[in-house]
Amino acid sequence: MRLLVLGGTEFAGRAVVEAALARGWDVTVLHRGRHPPPPGVRSLHGDRTAPDGLAALAGEPGWDAVVDTWSAAPRVVLDAARLLRGRAGRYVYVSSCSVYAWAPPAGYTEDAPLVAGAAADAGRTDYARDKRGGELAAIEAFGAQDSLLVRAGLLLGPYENVGRLPWWLNRIARGGPVLAPGPRDLPLQYIDVRDLAEWILDGVRQELAGPRTVIGPRGLTTTGELLETCVRVTGAAAELRWTDPEAVLAAGIEPWTGLPVWVPPGSEAYDALHGADVSAALATGLRCRPVARTVADTWDWLRGLGGVAPQRPDRPPVGLDPAVEAKVLAAGGGVPGDTP
């Protein structure tokens, strides 16, 4: 199989490239040169936002599929898809569950209402409309039958450049009392980026089309299992202090960003972020590795970088101010072994 990845040097794109190389596929990446691509690819340089930024693709013989992870102005996707129409068999656009109109109820499927106001030829607006616009761009150029729209949920794993799991690993590695947001048995929904990549490549093989919500099944892990695994993997002398959601919120701590991954149970955000029905992805072969492997591999990768993970410039840093954490803990925020 001949695969073109637009980007391919960071997080999701890199995971797709590495998975394809492991299968023996012929992989070309078009990237800006800011990060080295994995060894074994055909590397082309180009800035998609610049005039003639796709010129390096001219004269290439074509591909079985294209994978595009673009997250800003949809017209950038449209330009690439139009150029590649007739030169690639399938356009795989890595989108996001953010394209569903907020807030989708627990159990939502691919048929849930979508954000309004998106356009294939639009400039940059906001993340949700940009991702939906990217979907529309892929469909406009390749048609519904040759476009696969991968609506990814929470991504974790090596190469993460958003900071969620790296923040937890680094915080727990520092040791001492750690503010752990309850309840301990709260089910979480996420996907290891490498499992996402394998599903994408399987989808190319199967000639899948249309939208798919691609996250692990609900309850693949819990908050307790995730954080306790971080403690075991890092070997840190850390004490998880389980704290009621009400106390976390009363301290002004923002769910999802202040304490990454976590949102309080019973909220519309919890249903939207950890409540998708992924039957369609499971029926087409989605397989998910255990959380212990995701955490251990991410820690190994992070240590190889000296503990400093890359950070996407278009995403704000995540994590809790140590002073805020200390204040909540001093006020009695949880004790070791508590299960609020």
Protein backbone atom coordinates (compact mmCIF):
# COMPACT_ATOMS: atom_id res chain seq x y z
CA MET A 1 0.00 0.00 0.00
CA ARG A 2 1.16 3.52 -0.84
CA LEU A 3 0.24 6.05 1.84
CA LEU A 4 0.61 9.84 1.94
CA VAL A 5 0.45 11.49 5.35
CA LEU A 6 0.08 15.26 5.46
CA GLY A 7 2.13 16.08 8.53
CA GLY A 8 3.21 12.79 10.00
CA THR A 9 5.87 14.01 12.44
CA GLU A 10 3.79 14.57 15.61
CA PHE A 11 1.31 12.61 17.76
CA ALA A 12 -1.56 11.16 15.67
CA GLY A 13 0.14 11.63 12.32
CA ARG A 14 3.37 10.10 13.58
CA ALA A 15 1.50 7.13 15.04
CA VAL A 16 -0.11 6.49 11.65
CA VAL A 17 3.27 6.69 9.91
CA GLU A 18 4.95 4.30 12.33
CA ALA A 19 2.07 1.82 12.13
CA ALA A 20 2.13 1.90 8.33
CA LEU A 21 5.90 1.39 8.21
CA ALA A 22 5.55 -1.58 10.57
CA ARG A 23 3.14 -3.11 8.05
CA GLY A 24 5.63 -2.65 5.26
CA TRP A 25 3.69 0.11 3.53
CA ASP A 26 5.36 2.68 1.29
CA VAL A 27 4.92 5.95 3.19
CA THR A 28 5.40 9.53 2.01
CA VAL A 29 5.07 12.48 4.40
CA LEU A 30 4.64 16.13 3.50
CA HIS A 31 5.71 18.32 6.41
CA ARG A 32 7.18 21.72 7.22
CA GLY A 33 10.49 20.38 8.48
CA ARG A 34 10.04 21.49 12.08
CA HIS A 35 10.32 17.93 13.39
CA PRO A 36 12.17 14.98 11.87
CA PRO A 37 9.90 12.29 10.42
CA PRO A 38 10.32 8.64 11.38
CA PRO A 39 13.13 6.90 9.50
CA GLY A 40 12.02 4.90 6.50
CA VAL A 41 9.62 7.42 4.94
CA ARG A 42 9.90 9.46 1.77
CA SER A 43 10.12 12.98 3.20
CA LEU A 44 8.79 15.99 1.27
CA HIS A 45 8.78 19.55 2.57
CA GLY A 46 5.97 22.07 2.18
CA ASP A 47 3.98 24.59 4.19
CA ARG A 48 0.31 24.05 3.35
CA THR A 49 -0.58 27.60 4.35
CA ALA A 50 1.89 29.19 1.91
CA PRO A 51 1.47 29.79 -1.83
CA ASP A 52 2.66 26.70 -3.69
CA GLY A 53 2.97 24.94 -0.34
CA LEU A 54 1.90 21.66 -1.95
CA ALA A 55 4.30 21.93 -4.89
CA ALA A 56 6.46 19.06 -3.61
CA LEU A 57 3.60 16.67 -4.40
CA ALA A 58 3.75 17.47 -8.11
CA GLY A 59 5.12 14.63 -10.17
CA GLU A 60 4.54 12.02 -7.45
CA PRO A 61 2.95 8.84 -8.84
CA GLY A 62 -0.05 8.78 -6.50
CA TRP A 63 -1.21 6.91 -3.42
CA ASP A 64 -3.78 4.39 -2.27
CA ALA A 65 -4.81 6.74 0.53
CA VAL A 66 -4.09 10.10 2.14
CA VAL A 67 -4.26 10.75 5.90
CA ASP A 68 -4.76 14.37 6.95
CA THR A 69 -4.79 15.55 10.59
CA TRP A 70 -5.16 19.32 9.95
CA SER A 71 -6.88 21.25 12.76
CA ALA A 72 -7.15 24.86 11.58
CA ALA A 73 -8.65 26.62 8.53
CA PRO A 74 -10.75 24.10 6.54
CA ARG A 75 -9.75 25.67 3.22
CA VAL A 76 -6.26 24.20 3.76
CA VAL A 77 -7.83 20.74 3.71
CA LEU A 78 -9.87 21.68 0.67
CA ASP A 79 -6.78 22.82 -1.26
CA ALA A 80 -4.96 19.55 -0.54
CA ALA A 81 -7.97 17.35 -1.26
CA ARG A 82 -8.65 19.07 -4.58
CA LEU A 83 -5.02 18.69 -5.61
CA LEU A 84 -5.02 15.00 -4.72
CA ARG A 85 -8.38 14.15 -6.26
CA GLY A 86 -7.72 11.50 -8.89
CA ARG A 87 -4.23 10.83 -7.51
CA ALA A 88 -5.28 9.02 -4.32
CA GLY A 89 -7.91 6.38 -3.75
CA ARG A 90 -9.22 7.53 -0.38
CA TYR A 91 -9.03 10.66 1.77
CA VAL A 92 -8.86 9.94 5.50
CA TYR A 93 -9.49 13.04 7.55
CA VAL A 94 -8.74 12.75 11.27
CA SER A 95 -11.50 14.83 12.76
CA SER A 96 -12.81 15.06 16.33
CA CYS A 97 -15.84 14.34 18.49
CA SER A 98 -15.93 18.12 18.88
CA VAL A 99 -17.89 18.25 15.61
CA TYR A 100 -20.99 17.05 17.48
CA ALA A 101 -23.23 19.91 18.64
CA TRP A 102 -22.53 20.58 22.31
CA ALA A 103 -23.37 18.76 24.42
CA PRO A 104 -24.21 15.38 22.96
CA PRO A 105 -26.00 13.11 25.45
CA ALA A 106 -24.53 9.89 26.77
CA GLY A 107 -24.81 7.14 24.19
CA TYR A 108 -24.58 9.47 21.20
CA THR A 109 -23.66 7.95 17.83
CA GLU A 110 -22.51 9.22 14.45
CA ASP A 111 -26.09 10.37 13.83
CA ALA A 112 -25.94 13.03 16.57
CA PRO A 113 -26.47 16.67 15.47
CA LEU A 114 -23.35 18.48 14.25
CA VAL A 115 -22.02 21.98 14.88
CA ALA A 116 -23.55 24.66 12.72
CA GLY A 117 -21.81 27.27 10.63
CA ALA A 118 -18.92 25.18 9.26
CA ALA A 119 -17.82 25.53 5.62
CA ALA A 120 -15.29 23.68 3.50
CA ASP A 121 -13.66 26.87 2.20
CA ALA A 122 -13.62 28.78 5.50
CA GLY A 123 -10.70 30.40 7.22
CA ARG A 124 -9.88 29.58 10.81
CA THR A 125 -12.74 29.99 13.30
CA ASP A 126 -12.91 27.66 16.30
CA TYR A 127 -11.78 24.08 16.78
CA ALA A 128 -15.19 22.43 16.38
CA ARG A 129 -16.19 24.30 13.23
CA ASP A 130 -12.70 23.96 11.79
CA LYS A 131 -12.81 20.19 12.18
CA ARG A 132 -16.31 19.97 10.72
CA GLY A 133 -15.19 22.20 7.86
CA GLY A 134 -12.29 19.83 7.25
CA GLU A 135 -14.76 16.97 6.98
CA LEU A 136 -16.83 18.92 4.46
CA ALA A 137 -13.69 19.72 2.47
CA ALA A 138 -12.76 16.04 2.21
CA ILE A 139 -16.28 15.15 1.07
CA GLU A 140 -16.42 18.00 -1.44
CA ALA A 141 -13.22 16.89 -3.15
CA PHE A 142 -13.39 13.09 -2.84
CA GLY A 143 -17.10 12.43 -2.43
CA ALA A 144 -18.83 10.62 0.42
CA GLN A 145 -17.85 7.17 -0.86
CA ASP A 146 -14.10 7.86 -0.88
CA SER A 147 -13.81 9.92 2.32
CA LEU A 148 -13.30 8.42 5.77
CA LEU A 149 -14.01 10.87 8.60
CA VAL A 150 -12.33 9.72 11.80
CA ARG A 151 -13.98 11.45 14.76
CA ALA A 152 -11.40 10.81 17.43
CA GLY A 153 -12.01 11.31 21.11
CA LEU A 154 -9.51 11.75 23.93
CA LEU A 155 -6.11 10.65 22.62
CA LEU A 156 -3.37 9.42 24.94
CA GLY A 157 -0.05 7.71 24.37
CA PRO A 158 3.53 8.39 23.27
CA TYR A 159 4.23 11.61 21.35
CA GLU A 160 1.34 13.41 23.06
CA ASN A 161 1.72 17.14 22.44
CA VAL A 162 -1.37 18.31 24.33
CA GLY A 163 0.01 17.54 27.77
CA ARG A 164 -2.69 15.54 29.55
CA LEU A 165 -1.06 12.22 30.41
CA PRO A 166 2.45 13.76 30.50
CA TRP A 167 1.24 16.23 33.12
CA TRP A 168 -0.15 13.48 35.35
CA LEU A 169 3.01 11.39 34.99
CA ASN A 170 5.28 14.31 35.84
CA ARG A 171 3.09 15.42 38.73
CA ILE A 172 2.97 11.95 40.26
CA ALA A 173 6.69 11.44 39.66
CA ARG A 174 7.36 14.45 41.91
CA GLY A 175 5.81 12.47 44.74
CA GLY A 176 4.06 13.59 47.89
CA PRO A 177 0.31 14.09 48.33
CA VAL A 178 -1.46 14.34 44.96
CA LEU A 179 -4.92 15.82 44.54
CA ALA A 180 -6.89 13.02 42.86
CA PRO A 181 -10.36 14.01 41.64
CA GLY A 182 -13.09 11.56 42.60
CA PRO A 183 -14.87 9.38 42.36
CA ARG A 184 -12.13 6.82 42.15
CA ASP A 185 -14.26 4.40 40.11
CA LEU A 186 -15.36 7.01 37.54
CA PRO A 187 -15.31 5.35 34.07
CA LEU A 188 -13.20 7.10 31.45
CA GLN A 189 -13.30 6.93 27.65
CA TYR A 190 -10.11 7.43 25.63
CA ILE A 191 -8.03 5.77 22.95
CA ASP A 192 -4.33 5.07 22.70
CA VAL A 193 -3.13 6.99 19.64
CA ARG A 194 -1.49 3.82 18.31
CA ASP A 195 -4.79 1.96 18.41
CA LEU A 196 -6.36 4.85 16.51
CA ALA A 197 -3.60 4.54 13.92
CA GLU A 198 -4.10 0.80 13.48
CA TRP A 199 -7.86 1.29 13.04
CA ILE A 200 -7.22 3.97 10.39
CA LEU A 201 -4.98 1.65 8.40
CA ASP A 202 -7.48 -1.18 8.72
CA GLY A 203 -10.13 1.26 7.49
CA VAL A 204 -8.04 2.01 4.42
CA ARG A 205 -7.73 -1.71 3.73
CA GLN A 206 -11.47 -2.19 4.18
CA GLU A 207 -12.25 0.88 2.05
CA LEU A 208 -14.39 2.32 4.82
CA ALA A 209 -16.22 5.58 4.17
CA GLY A 210 -18.28 8.09 6.09
CA PRO A 211 -18.00 9.20 9.72
CA ARG A 212 -16.85 6.96 12.56
CA THR A 213 -16.52 7.91 16.21
CA VAL A 214 -13.23 6.30 17.20
CA ILE A 215 -12.55 6.08 20.94
CA GLY A 216 -12.20 3.11 23.21
CA PRO A 217 -15.38 1.68 24.72
CA ARG A 218 -16.86 3.42 27.72
CA GLY A 219 -15.20 2.30 30.93
CA LEU A 220 -12.00 1.07 29.28
CA THR A 221 -10.39 2.41 32.46
CA THR A 222 -11.33 4.47 35.50
CA THR A 223 -9.81 7.54 37.09
CA GLY A 224 -8.48 5.34 39.87
CA GLU A 225 -6.89 2.79 37.56
CA LEU A 226 -5.31 5.52 35.42
CA LEU A 227 -3.72 7.42 38.31
CA GLU A 228 -2.76 4.33 40.29
CA THR A 229 -1.04 3.00 37.18
CA CYS A 230 0.89 6.28 36.94
CA VAL A 231 2.08 5.72 40.51
CA ARG A 232 3.22 2.17 39.79
CA VAL A 233 4.91 3.01 36.49
CA THR A 234 6.85 6.00 37.82
CA GLY A 235 7.76 4.25 41.06
CA ALA A 236 7.10 7.52 42.83
CA ALA A 237 6.50 7.98 46.54
CA ALA A 238 3.15 9.60 45.77
CA GLU A 239 -0.06 9.47 47.78
CA LEU A 240 -3.28 9.90 45.84
CA ARG A 241 -5.64 11.99 47.94
CA TRP A 242 -9.10 11.24 46.57
CA THR A 243 -11.27 14.31 46.74
CA ASP A 244 -14.99 14.85 46.21
CA PRO A 245 -15.89 16.51 42.90
CA GLU A 246 -17.70 19.23 44.83
CA ALA A 247 -14.52 20.18 46.67
CA VAL A 248 -12.54 20.25 43.44
CA LEU A 249 -15.07 22.54 41.75
CA ALA A 250 -15.44 24.76 44.83
CA ALA A 251 -11.71 25.44 44.65
CA GLY A 252 -12.18 26.92 41.18
CA ILE A 253 -10.33 24.10 39.45
CA GLU A 254 -11.36 23.72 35.81
CA PRO A 255 -12.37 20.21 34.81
CA TRP A 256 -10.54 18.75 31.80
CA THR A 257 -7.79 21.39 31.82
CA GLY A 258 -6.89 22.01 35.47
CA LEU A 259 -7.00 18.29 36.19
CA PRO A 260 -6.53 16.78 32.74
CA VAL A 261 -8.89 14.02 31.54
CA TRP A 262 -11.25 14.46 34.51
CA VAL A 263 -14.72 15.97 34.36
CA PRO A 264 -17.29 15.59 37.16
CA PRO A 265 -19.83 12.78 36.87
CA GLY A 266 -23.39 13.79 36.13
CA SER A 267 -22.35 16.82 34.11
CA GLU A 268 -23.15 17.35 30.45
CA ALA A 269 -19.40 17.53 29.83
CA TYR A 270 -18.92 14.05 31.28
CA ASP A 271 -21.58 12.56 29.03
CA ALA A 272 -20.09 14.34 26.00
CA LEU A 273 -16.45 13.47 26.68
CA HIS A 274 -16.77 10.02 28.19
CA GLY A 275 -20.11 8.74 26.93
CA ALA A 276 -19.93 8.05 23.19
CA ASP A 277 -21.36 4.91 21.63
CA VAL A 278 -18.50 3.44 19.58
CA SER A 279 -20.31 0.36 18.28
CA ALA A 280 -19.55 1.29 14.67
CA ALA A 281 -15.80 1.44 15.30
CA LEU A 282 -15.81 -1.78 17.29
CA ALA A 283 -17.77 -3.54 14.55
CA THR A 284 -15.07 -2.59 12.04
CA GLY A 285 -12.20 -3.99 14.08
CA LEU A 286 -11.21 -1.41 16.70
CA ARG A 287 -8.95 -3.03 19.29
CA CYS A 288 -7.69 -1.26 22.41
CA ARG A 289 -4.63 -2.08 24.49
CA PRO A 290 -4.86 -1.94 28.30
CA VAL A 291 -4.22 1.32 30.08
CA ALA A 292 -1.10 -0.10 31.74
CA ARG A 293 0.64 -0.31 28.36
CA THR A 294 -0.40 3.19 27.38
CA VAL A 295 0.88 4.67 30.64
CA ALA A 296 4.13 2.68 30.69
CA ASP A 297 5.00 3.46 27.08
CA THR A 298 4.21 7.14 27.53
CA TRP A 299 6.42 7.28 30.62
CA ASP A 300 9.30 5.61 28.77
CA TRP A 301 8.94 8.12 25.92
CA LEU A 302 8.66 11.05 28.32
CA ARG A 303 11.77 10.03 30.25
CA GLY A 304 13.64 9.84 26.98
CA LEU A 305 12.84 13.55 26.54
CA GLY A 306 14.02 14.44 30.02
CA GLY A 307 10.44 14.75 31.24
CA VAL A 308 9.60 17.70 28.97
CA ALA A 309 6.85 16.80 26.49
CA PRO A 310 6.30 18.79 23.29
CA GLN A 311 3.46 21.31 23.38
CA ARG A 312 1.25 22.27 20.47
CA PRO A 313 1.38 26.04 20.04
CA ASP A 314 -2.36 26.21 19.31
CA ARG A 315 -3.32 24.55 22.61
CA PRO A 316 -3.01 26.12 26.07
CA PRO A 317 -0.96 24.26 28.68
CA VAL A 318 -2.91 22.01 31.02
CA GLY A 319 -2.44 21.12 34.65
CA LEU A 320 -2.94 22.41 38.16
CA ASP A 321 -1.01 25.21 39.83
CA PRO A 322 0.93 23.62 42.74
CA ALA A 323 -0.21 26.40 45.07
CA VAL A 324 -3.86 25.65 44.34
CA GLU A 325 -3.29 21.95 44.85
CA ALA A 326 -1.55 22.56 48.17
CA LYS A 327 -4.37 24.80 49.34
CA VAL A 328 -7.06 22.22 48.57
CA LEU A 329 -5.06 19.46 50.24
CA ALA A 330 -4.43 21.62 53.30
CA ALA A 331 -8.17 22.23 53.56
CA GLY A 332 -8.73 18.50 53.95
CA GLY A 333 -9.08 17.48 50.33
CA GLY A 334 -9.06 13.72 50.64
CA VAL A 335 -6.90 11.16 52.43
CA PRO A 336 -5.05 8.13 51.06
CA GLY A 337 -7.38 5.28 50.23
CA ASP A 338 -10.55 7.38 50.25
CA THR A 339 -13.16 6.50 47.63
CA PRO A 340 -15.57 9.46 47.56
